[in-house]
Amino acid sequence: MPCQLCDRDVKQLTVHHLIPKQTVKRKQADSGPTIDICSPCHRQIHVLYSNLELAKHLNSIDKLKSEPKMQKFLGWIRKQNPQKKVRIRRK
């Protein structure tokens, strides 16, 4: 299955909430839209941005793809072998 961010074909995808669950009121049943992305893309999103930034400014797949820091990462990750584990540097 292809990652919705980097388009790499990976064995397993993770669910990313476009509006982080921590920013949604607990009683609200629907936590909003999600996308299926690979683990490296998911980790990189949470390394680069706070949940508040994600909720307010980067709450769609198009906004994430057009964000300069993510564009740089996506350009790099697309060249990586999808079968190999990729290290993501923390802040």
PDB file of N, CA and C in Angstrom:
ATOM      1  N   MET A   1       0.841  -1.187   0.000  1.00  0.00           N
ATOM      2  CA  MET A   1       0.000   0.000   0.000  1.00  0.00           C
ATOM      3  C   MET A   1       0.883   1.247   0.000  1.00  0.00           C
ATOM      4  N   PRO A   2       0.535   2.237  -0.777  1.00  0.00           N
ATOM      5  CA  PRO A   2       1.365   3.457  -0.795  1.00  0.00           C
ATOM      6  C   PRO A   2       1.035   4.404   0.369  1.00  0.00           C
ATOM      7  N   CYS A   3       2.072   5.015   0.877  1.00  0.00           N
ATOM      8  CA  CYS A   3       1.927   6.056   1.894  1.00  0.00           C
ATOM      9  C   CYS A   3       1.286   7.268   1.219  1.00  0.00           C
ATOM     10  N   GLN A   4       0.324   7.884   1.870  1.00  0.00           N
ATOM     11  CA  GLN A   4      -0.367   9.028   1.275  1.00  0.00           C
ATOM     12  C   GLN A   4       0.488  10.295   1.256  1.00  0.00           C
ATOM     13  N   LEU A   5       1.614  10.291   1.951  1.00  0.00           N
ATOM     14  CA  LEU A   5       2.508  11.455   1.911  1.00  0.00           C
ATOM     15  C   LEU A   5       3.670  11.250   0.951  1.00  0.00           C
ATOM     16  N   CYS A   6       4.431  10.171   1.132  1.00  0.00           N
ATOM     17  CA  CYS A   6       5.644   9.993   0.330  1.00  0.00           C
ATOM     18  C   CYS A   6       5.427   9.097  -0.891  1.00  0.00           C
ATOM     19  N   ASP A   7       4.269   8.452  -0.978  1.00  0.00           N
ATOM     20  CA  ASP A   7       3.914   7.580  -2.105  1.00  0.00           C
ATOM     21  C   ASP A   7       4.767   6.318  -2.207  1.00  0.00           C
ATOM     22  N   ARG A   8       5.560   6.011  -1.169  1.00  0.00           N
ATOM     23  CA  ARG A   8       6.338   4.771  -1.193  1.00  0.00           C
ATOM     24  C   ARG A   8       5.409   3.606  -0.883  1.00  0.00           C
ATOM     25  N   ASP A   9       5.665   2.472  -1.509  1.00  0.00           N
ATOM     26  CA  ASP A   9       4.895   1.260  -1.256  1.00  0.00           C
ATOM     27  C   ASP A   9       5.488   0.544  -0.055  1.00  0.00           C
ATOM     28  N   VAL A  10       4.800   0.569   1.078  1.00  0.00           N
ATOM     29  CA  VAL A  10       5.303  -0.054   2.297  1.00  0.00           C
ATOM     30  C   VAL A  10       4.342  -1.146   2.763  1.00  0.00           C
ATOM     31  N   LYS A  11       4.871  -2.075   3.567  1.00  0.00           N
ATOM     32  CA  LYS A  11       4.048  -3.196   4.036  1.00  0.00           C
ATOM     33  C   LYS A  11       2.978  -2.754   5.017  1.00  0.00           C
ATOM     34  N   GLN A  12       3.337  -1.836   5.908  1.00  0.00           N
ATOM     35  CA  GLN A  12       2.413  -1.444   6.969  1.00  0.00           C
ATOM     36  C   GLN A  12       2.307   0.074   7.055  1.00  0.00           C
ATOM     37  N   LEU A  13       1.078   0.549   7.167  1.00  0.00           N
ATOM     38  CA  LEU A  13       0.834   1.980   7.305  1.00  0.00           C
ATOM     39  C   LEU A  13       0.278   2.277   8.693  1.00  0.00           C
ATOM     40  N   THR A  14       0.459   3.515   9.130  1.00  0.00           N
ATOM     41  CA  THR A  14      -0.109   3.955  10.403  1.00  0.00           C
ATOM     42  C   THR A  14      -1.183   4.997  10.114  1.00  0.00           C
ATOM     43  N   VAL A  15      -2.086   5.161  11.048  1.00  0.00           N
ATOM     44  CA  VAL A  15      -3.163   6.139  10.897  1.00  0.00           C
ATOM     45  C   VAL A  15      -2.726   7.443  11.556  1.00  0.00           C
ATOM     46  N   HIS A  16      -2.764   8.521  10.788  1.00  0.00           N
ATOM     47  CA  HIS A  16      -2.421   9.845  11.327  1.00  0.00           C
ATOM     48  C   HIS A  16      -3.692  10.674  11.365  1.00  0.00           C
ATOM     49  N   HIS A  17      -4.033  11.190  12.548  1.00  0.00           N
ATOM     50  CA  HIS A  17      -5.185  12.083  12.690  1.00  0.00           C
ATOM     51  C   HIS A  17      -4.765  13.476  12.241  1.00  0.00           C
ATOM     52  N   LEU A  18      -5.434  13.999  11.233  1.00  0.00           N
ATOM     53  CA  LEU A  18      -5.076  15.330  10.728  1.00  0.00           C
ATOM     54  C   LEU A  18      -5.309  16.398  11.782  1.00  0.00           C
ATOM     55  N   ILE A  19      -6.275  16.193  12.639  1.00  0.00           N
ATOM     56  CA  ILE A  19      -6.475  17.062  13.802  1.00  0.00           C
ATOM     57  C   ILE A  19      -6.170  16.178  15.009  1.00  0.00           C
ATOM     58  N   PRO A  20      -5.015  16.386  15.659  1.00  0.00           N
ATOM     59  CA  PRO A  20      -4.602  15.500  16.748  1.00  0.00           C
ATOM     60  C   PRO A  20      -5.694  15.302  17.799  1.00  0.00           C
ATOM     61  N   LYS A  21      -5.798  14.062  18.284  1.00  0.00           N
ATOM     62  CA  LYS A  21      -6.847  13.714  19.238  1.00  0.00           C
ATOM     63  C   LYS A  21      -6.746  14.531  20.526  1.00  0.00           C
ATOM     64  N   GLN A  22      -5.546  14.951  20.898  1.00  0.00           N
ATOM     65  CA  GLN A  22      -5.378  15.733  22.125  1.00  0.00           C
ATOM     66  C   GLN A  22      -6.051  17.109  22.023  1.00  0.00           C
ATOM     67  N   THR A  23      -6.258  17.597  20.797  1.00  0.00           N
ATOM     68  CA  THR A  23      -6.850  18.924  20.635  1.00  0.00           C
ATOM     69  C   THR A  23      -8.362  18.872  20.460  1.00  0.00           C
ATOM     70  N   VAL A  24      -8.917  17.657  20.426  1.00  0.00           N
ATOM     71  CA  VAL A  24     -10.373  17.493  20.266  1.00  0.00           C
ATOM     72  C   VAL A  24     -10.966  17.192  21.640  1.00  0.00           C
ATOM     73  N   LYS A  25     -12.138  17.757  21.906  1.00  0.00           N
ATOM     74  CA  LYS A  25     -12.782  17.503  23.195  1.00  0.00           C
ATOM     75  C   LYS A  25     -13.061  16.019  23.353  1.00  0.00           C
ATOM     76  N   ARG A  26     -12.812  15.517  24.551  1.00  0.00           N
ATOM     77  CA  ARG A  26     -12.923  14.078  24.826  1.00  0.00           C
ATOM     78  C   ARG A  26     -14.288  13.485  24.477  1.00  0.00           C
ATOM     79  N   LYS A  27     -15.358  14.208  24.735  1.00  0.00           N
ATOM     80  CA  LYS A  27     -16.698  13.659  24.524  1.00  0.00           C
ATOM     81  C   LYS A  27     -17.084  13.592  23.054  1.00  0.00           C
ATOM     82  N   GLN A  28     -16.334  14.278  22.220  1.00  0.00           N
ATOM     83  CA  GLN A  28     -16.640  14.286  20.798  1.00  0.00           C
ATOM     84  C   GLN A  28     -16.278  12.917  20.209  1.00  0.00           C
ATOM     85  N   ALA A  29     -17.262  12.224  19.669  1.00  0.00           N
ATOM     86  CA  ALA A  29     -17.051  10.853  19.176  1.00  0.00           C
ATOM     87  C   ALA A  29     -16.128  10.819  17.973  1.00  0.00           C
ATOM     88  N   ASP A  30     -16.347  11.707  17.021  1.00  0.00           N
ATOM     89  CA  ASP A  30     -15.541  11.711  15.802  1.00  0.00           C
ATOM     90  C   ASP A  30     -14.293  12.565  16.010  1.00  0.00           C
ATOM     91  N   SER A  31     -13.131  11.936  15.897  1.00  0.00           N
ATOM     92  CA  SER A  31     -11.890  12.689  16.108  1.00  0.00           C
ATOM     93  C   SER A  31     -11.375  13.310  14.809  1.00  0.00           C
ATOM     94  N   GLY A  32     -12.168  13.295  13.766  1.00  0.00           N
ATOM     95  CA  GLY A  32     -11.810  13.976  12.533  1.00  0.00           C
ATOM     96  C   GLY A  32     -11.188  13.077  11.492  1.00  0.00           C
ATOM     97  N   PRO A  33     -10.788  13.679  10.372  1.00  0.00           N
ATOM     98  CA  PRO A  33     -10.243  12.904   9.255  1.00  0.00           C
ATOM     99  C   PRO A  33      -8.866  12.330   9.555  1.00  0.00           C
ATOM    100  N   THR A  34      -8.573  11.199   8.921  1.00  0.00           N
ATOM    101  CA  THR A  34      -7.277  10.549   9.086  1.00  0.00           C
ATOM    102  C   THR A  34      -6.679  10.249   7.712  1.00  0.00           C
ATOM    103  N   ILE A  35      -5.366  10.011   7.703  1.00  0.00           N
ATOM    104  CA  ILE A  35      -4.677   9.553   6.497  1.00  0.00           C
ATOM    105  C   ILE A  35      -3.819   8.352   6.871  1.00  0.00           C
ATOM    106  N   ASP A  36      -3.550   7.505   5.894  1.00  0.00           N
ATOM    107  CA  ASP A  36      -2.695   6.337   6.110  1.00  0.00           C
ATOM    108  C   ASP A  36      -1.301   6.651   5.591  1.00  0.00           C
ATOM    109  N   ILE A  37      -0.338   6.674   6.514  1.00  0.00           N
ATOM    110  CA  ILE A  37       1.034   7.032   6.144  1.00  0.00           C
ATOM    111  C   ILE A  37       2.020   6.032   6.741  1.00  0.00           C
ATOM    112  N   CYS A  38       3.233   6.025   6.178  1.00  0.00           N
ATOM    113  CA  CYS A  38       4.274   5.121   6.686  1.00  0.00           C
ATOM    114  C   CYS A  38       4.803   5.666   8.018  1.00  0.00           C
ATOM    115  N   SER A  39       5.426   4.765   8.748  1.00  0.00           N
ATOM    116  CA  SER A  39       5.944   5.112  10.063  1.00  0.00           C
ATOM    117  C   SER A  39       6.975   6.258  10.031  1.00  0.00           C
ATOM    118  N   PRO A  40       7.944   6.261   9.074  1.00  0.00           N
ATOM    119  CA  PRO A  40       8.895   7.378   9.051  1.00  0.00           C
ATOM    120  C   PRO A  40       8.219   8.743   8.830  1.00  0.00           C
ATOM    121  N   CYS A  41       7.247   8.802   7.940  1.00  0.00           N
ATOM    122  CA  CYS A  41       6.532  10.075   7.716  1.00  0.00           C
ATOM    123  C   CYS A  41       5.786  10.485   8.980  1.00  0.00           C
ATOM    124  N   HIS A  42       5.154   9.517   9.632  1.00  0.00           N
ATOM    125  CA  HIS A  42       4.389   9.810  10.850  1.00  0.00           C
ATOM    126  C   HIS A  42       5.308  10.340  11.948  1.00  0.00           C
ATOM    127  N   ARG A  43       6.444   9.675  12.142  1.00  0.00           N
ATOM    128  CA  ARG A  43       7.389  10.135  13.171  1.00  0.00           C
ATOM    129  C   ARG A  43       7.923  11.528  12.840  1.00  0.00           C
ATOM    130  N   GLN A  44       8.234  11.770  11.575  1.00  0.00           N
ATOM    131  CA  GLN A  44       8.789  13.065  11.176  1.00  0.00           C
ATOM    132  C   GLN A  44       7.791  14.199  11.421  1.00  0.00           C
ATOM    133  N   ILE A  45       6.533  13.967  11.129  1.00  0.00           N
ATOM    134  CA  ILE A  45       5.500  14.987  11.378  1.00  0.00           C
ATOM    135  C   ILE A  45       5.522  15.394  12.843  1.00  0.00           C
ATOM    136  N   HIS A  46       5.551  14.406  13.736  1.00  0.00           N
ATOM    137  CA  HIS A  46       5.479  14.712  15.168  1.00  0.00           C
ATOM    138  C   HIS A  46       6.795  15.232  15.733  1.00  0.00           C
ATOM    139  N   VAL A  47       7.899  15.025  15.033  1.00  0.00           N
ATOM    140  CA  VAL A  47       9.173  15.621  15.437  1.00  0.00           C
ATOM    141  C   VAL A  47       9.184  17.109  15.056  1.00  0.00           C
ATOM    142  N   LEU A  48       8.657  17.413  13.879  1.00  0.00           N
ATOM    143  CA  LEU A  48       8.731  18.785  13.369  1.00  0.00           C
ATOM    144  C   LEU A  48       7.674  19.731  13.943  1.00  0.00           C
ATOM    145  N   TYR A  49       6.502  19.211  14.264  1.00  0.00           N
ATOM    146  CA  TYR A  49       5.388  20.100  14.609  1.00  0.00           C
ATOM    147  C   TYR A  49       4.702  19.695  15.906  1.00  0.00           C
ATOM    148  N   SER A  50       4.227  20.694  16.634  1.00  0.00           N
ATOM    149  CA  SER A  50       3.447  20.423  17.845  1.00  0.00           C
ATOM    150  C   SER A  50       2.019  20.053  17.431  1.00  0.00           C
ATOM    151  N   ASN A  51       1.288  19.449  18.347  1.00  0.00           N
ATOM    152  CA  ASN A  51      -0.102  19.095  18.059  1.00  0.00           C
ATOM    153  C   ASN A  51      -0.948  20.332  17.771  1.00  0.00           C
ATOM    154  N   LEU A  52      -0.625  21.430  18.424  1.00  0.00           N
ATOM    155  CA  LEU A  52      -1.364  22.666  18.192  1.00  0.00           C
ATOM    156  C   LEU A  52      -1.125  23.187  16.768  1.00  0.00           C
ATOM    157  N   GLU A  53       0.141  23.140  16.313  1.00  0.00           N
ATOM    158  CA  GLU A  53       0.451  23.556  14.933  1.00  0.00           C
ATOM    159  C   GLU A  53      -0.273  22.661  13.932  1.00  0.00           C
ATOM    160  N   LEU A  54      -0.278  21.370  14.203  1.00  0.00           N
ATOM    161  CA  LEU A  54      -0.947  20.432  13.302  1.00  0.00           C
ATOM    162  C   LEU A  54      -2.448  20.714  13.244  1.00  0.00           C
ATOM    163  N   ALA A  55      -3.053  20.958  14.394  1.00  0.00           N
ATOM    164  CA  ALA A  55      -4.500  21.206  14.445  1.00  0.00           C
ATOM    165  C   ALA A  55      -4.888  22.506  13.750  1.00  0.00           C
ATOM    166  N   LYS A  56      -4.094  23.554  13.962  1.00  0.00           N
ATOM    167  CA  LYS A  56      -4.468  24.872  13.426  1.00  0.00           C
ATOM    168  C   LYS A  56      -4.042  25.107  11.981  1.00  0.00           C
ATOM    169  N   HIS A  57      -2.833  24.668  11.617  1.00  0.00           N
ATOM    170  CA  HIS A  57      -2.274  25.068  10.325  1.00  0.00           C
ATOM    171  C   HIS A  57      -2.011  23.927   9.349  1.00  0.00           C
ATOM    172  N   LEU A  58      -1.814  22.721   9.847  1.00  0.00           N
ATOM    173  CA  LEU A  58      -1.427  21.604   8.970  1.00  0.00           C
ATOM    174  C   LEU A  58      -2.440  20.464   9.069  1.00  0.00           C
ATOM    175  N   ASN A  59      -3.726  20.819   8.947  1.00  0.00           N
ATOM    176  CA  ASN A  59      -4.795  19.857   9.179  1.00  0.00           C
ATOM    177  C   ASN A  59      -5.365  19.234   7.899  1.00  0.00           C
ATOM    178  N   SER A  60      -4.572  19.225   6.832  1.00  0.00           N
ATOM    179  CA  SER A  60      -4.977  18.528   5.606  1.00  0.00           C
ATOM    180  C   SER A  60      -3.724  17.936   4.959  1.00  0.00           C
ATOM    181  N   ILE A  61      -3.920  16.956   4.124  1.00  0.00           N
ATOM    182  CA  ILE A  61      -2.786  16.310   3.468  1.00  0.00           C
ATOM    183  C   ILE A  61      -2.073  17.292   2.537  1.00  0.00           C
ATOM    184  N   ASP A  62      -2.829  18.160   1.878  1.00  0.00           N
ATOM    185  CA  ASP A  62      -2.223  19.150   0.974  1.00  0.00           C
ATOM    186  C   ASP A  62      -1.371  20.160   1.740  1.00  0.00           C
ATOM    187  N   LYS A  63      -1.848  20.584   2.899  1.00  0.00           N
ATOM    188  CA  LYS A  63      -1.072  21.530   3.716  1.00  0.00           C
ATOM    189  C   LYS A  63       0.224  20.886   4.211  1.00  0.00           C
ATOM    190  N   LEU A  64       0.133  19.616   4.605  1.00  0.00           N
ATOM    191  CA  LEU A  64       1.343  18.909   5.050  1.00  0.00           C
ATOM    192  C   LEU A  64       2.343  18.774   3.914  1.00  0.00           C
ATOM    193  N   LYS A  65       1.853  18.390   2.728  1.00  0.00           N
ATOM    194  CA  LYS A  65       2.746  18.187   1.581  1.00  0.00           C
ATOM    195  C   LYS A  65       3.398  19.487   1.115  1.00  0.00           C
ATOM    196  N   SER A  66       2.723  20.616   1.322  1.00  0.00           N
ATOM    197  CA  SER A  66       3.259  21.885   0.823  1.00  0.00           C
ATOM    198  C   SER A  66       4.098  22.628   1.862  1.00  0.00           C
ATOM    199  N   GLU A  67       4.178  22.121   3.082  1.00  0.00           N
ATOM    200  CA  GLU A  67       4.981  22.743   4.133  1.00  0.00           C
ATOM    201  C   GLU A  67       6.462  22.537   3.804  1.00  0.00           C
ATOM    202  N   PRO A  68       7.275  23.602   3.783  1.00  0.00           N
ATOM    203  CA  PRO A  68       8.682  23.500   3.359  1.00  0.00           C
ATOM    204  C   PRO A  68       9.513  22.430   4.069  1.00  0.00           C
ATOM    205  N   LYS A  69       9.389  22.310   5.397  1.00  0.00           N
ATOM    206  CA  LYS A  69      10.181  21.303   6.112  1.00  0.00           C
ATOM    207  C   LYS A  69       9.768  19.891   5.696  1.00  0.00           C
ATOM    208  N   MET A  70       8.486  19.682   5.484  1.00  0.00           N
ATOM    209  CA  MET A  70       8.004  18.362   5.064  1.00  0.00           C
ATOM    210  C   MET A  70       8.403  18.085   3.620  1.00  0.00           C
ATOM    211  N   GLN A  71       8.396  19.104   2.772  1.00  0.00           N
ATOM    212  CA  GLN A  71       8.804  18.913   1.377  1.00  0.00           C
ATOM    213  C   GLN A  71      10.249  18.421   1.313  1.00  0.00           C
ATOM    214  N   LYS A  72      11.098  18.993   2.134  1.00  0.00           N
ATOM    215  CA  LYS A  72      12.503  18.579   2.171  1.00  0.00           C
ATOM    216  C   LYS A  72      12.605  17.117   2.604  1.00  0.00           C
ATOM    217  N   PHE A  73      11.879  16.764   3.656  1.00  0.00           N
ATOM    218  CA  PHE A  73      11.884  15.384   4.145  1.00  0.00           C
ATOM    219  C   PHE A  73      11.316  14.431   3.090  1.00  0.00           C
ATOM    220  N   LEU A  74      10.206  14.797   2.472  1.00  0.00           N
ATOM    221  CA  LEU A  74       9.571  13.922   1.480  1.00  0.00           C
ATOM    222  C   LEU A  74      10.483  13.693   0.277  1.00  0.00           C
ATOM    223  N   GLY A  75      11.223  14.716  -0.128  1.00  0.00           N
ATOM    224  CA  GLY A  75      12.182  14.563  -1.222  1.00  0.00           C
ATOM    225  C   GLY A  75      13.247  13.540  -0.880  1.00  0.00           C
ATOM    226  N   TRP A  76      13.656  13.520   0.394  1.00  0.00           N
ATOM    227  CA  TRP A  76      14.674  12.577   0.844  1.00  0.00           C
ATOM    228  C   TRP A  76      14.100  11.166   1.018  1.00  0.00           C
ATOM    229  N   ILE A  77      12.959  11.066   1.687  1.00  0.00           N
ATOM    230  CA  ILE A  77      12.414   9.746   2.027  1.00  0.00           C
ATOM    231  C   ILE A  77      11.985   8.973   0.774  1.00  0.00           C
ATOM    232  N   ARG A  78      11.571   9.667  -0.257  1.00  0.00           N
ATOM    233  CA  ARG A  78      11.151   8.986  -1.489  1.00  0.00           C
ATOM    234  C   ARG A  78      12.295   8.193  -2.124  1.00  0.00           C
ATOM    235  N   LYS A  79      13.532   8.588  -1.827  1.00  0.00           N
ATOM    236  CA  LYS A  79      14.709   7.910  -2.384  1.00  0.00           C
ATOM    237  C   LYS A  79      15.123   6.699  -1.542  1.00  0.00           C
ATOM    238  N   GLN A  80      14.521   6.545  -0.370  1.00  0.00           N
ATOM    239  CA  GLN A  80      14.916   5.469   0.542  1.00  0.00           C
ATOM    240  C   GLN A  80      14.159   4.178   0.225  1.00  0.00           C
ATOM    241  N   ASN A  81      14.820   3.060   0.471  1.00  0.00           N
ATOM    242  CA  ASN A  81      14.226   1.747   0.271  1.00  0.00           C
ATOM    243  C   ASN A  81      13.079   1.562   1.268  1.00  0.00           C
ATOM    244  N   PRO A  82      11.856   1.295   0.785  1.00  0.00           N
ATOM    245  CA  PRO A  82      10.719   1.156   1.698  1.00  0.00           C
ATOM    246  C   PRO A  82      10.816  -0.070   2.622  1.00  0.00           C
ATOM    247  N   GLN A  83      11.671  -1.038   2.278  1.00  0.00           N
ATOM    248  CA  GLN A  83      11.815  -2.236   3.105  1.00  0.00           C
ATOM    249  C   GLN A  83      12.799  -2.030   4.258  1.00  0.00           C
ATOM    250  N   LYS A  84      13.613  -0.986   4.187  1.00  0.00           N
ATOM    251  CA  LYS A  84      14.609  -0.722   5.234  1.00  0.00           C
ATOM    252  C   LYS A  84      14.037   0.217   6.294  1.00  0.00           C
ATOM    253  N   LYS A  85      14.479  -0.003   7.535  1.00  0.00           N
ATOM    254  CA  LYS A  85      14.071   0.884   8.621  1.00  0.00           C
ATOM    255  C   LYS A  85      14.834   2.205   8.479  1.00  0.00           C
ATOM    256  N   VAL A  86      14.127   3.298   8.596  1.00  0.00           N
ATOM    257  CA  VAL A  86      14.717   4.633   8.444  1.00  0.00           C
ATOM    258  C   VAL A  86      14.782   5.309   9.793  1.00  0.00           C
ATOM    259  N   ARG A  87      15.935   5.885  10.098  1.00  0.00           N
ATOM    260  CA  ARG A  87      16.091   6.613  11.370  1.00  0.00           C
ATOM    261  C   ARG A  87      15.617   8.050  11.204  1.00  0.00           C
ATOM    262  N   ILE A  88      14.841   8.491  12.152  1.00  0.00           N
ATOM    263  CA  ILE A  88      14.359   9.869  12.186  1.00  0.00           C
ATOM    264  C   ILE A  88      15.048  10.574  13.340  1.00  0.00           C
ATOM    265  N   ARG A  89      15.683  11.686  13.059  1.00  0.00           N
ATOM    266  CA  ARG A  89      16.388  12.435  14.117  1.00  0.00           C
ATOM    267  C   ARG A  89      15.405  13.276  14.900  1.00  0.00           C
ATOM    268  N   ARG A  90      15.472  13.122  16.194  1.00  0.00           N
ATOM    269  CA  ARG A  90      14.647  13.934  17.097  1.00  0.00           C
ATOM    270  C   ARG A  90      15.260  15.316  17.216  1.00  0.00           C
ATOM    271  N   LYS A  91      14.468  16.263  17.656  1.00  0.00           N
ATOM    272  CA  LYS A  91      14.947  17.643  17.828  1.00  0.00           C
ATOM    273  C   LYS A  91      16.103  17.704  18.776  1.00  0.00           C
TER     274      LYS A  91
END
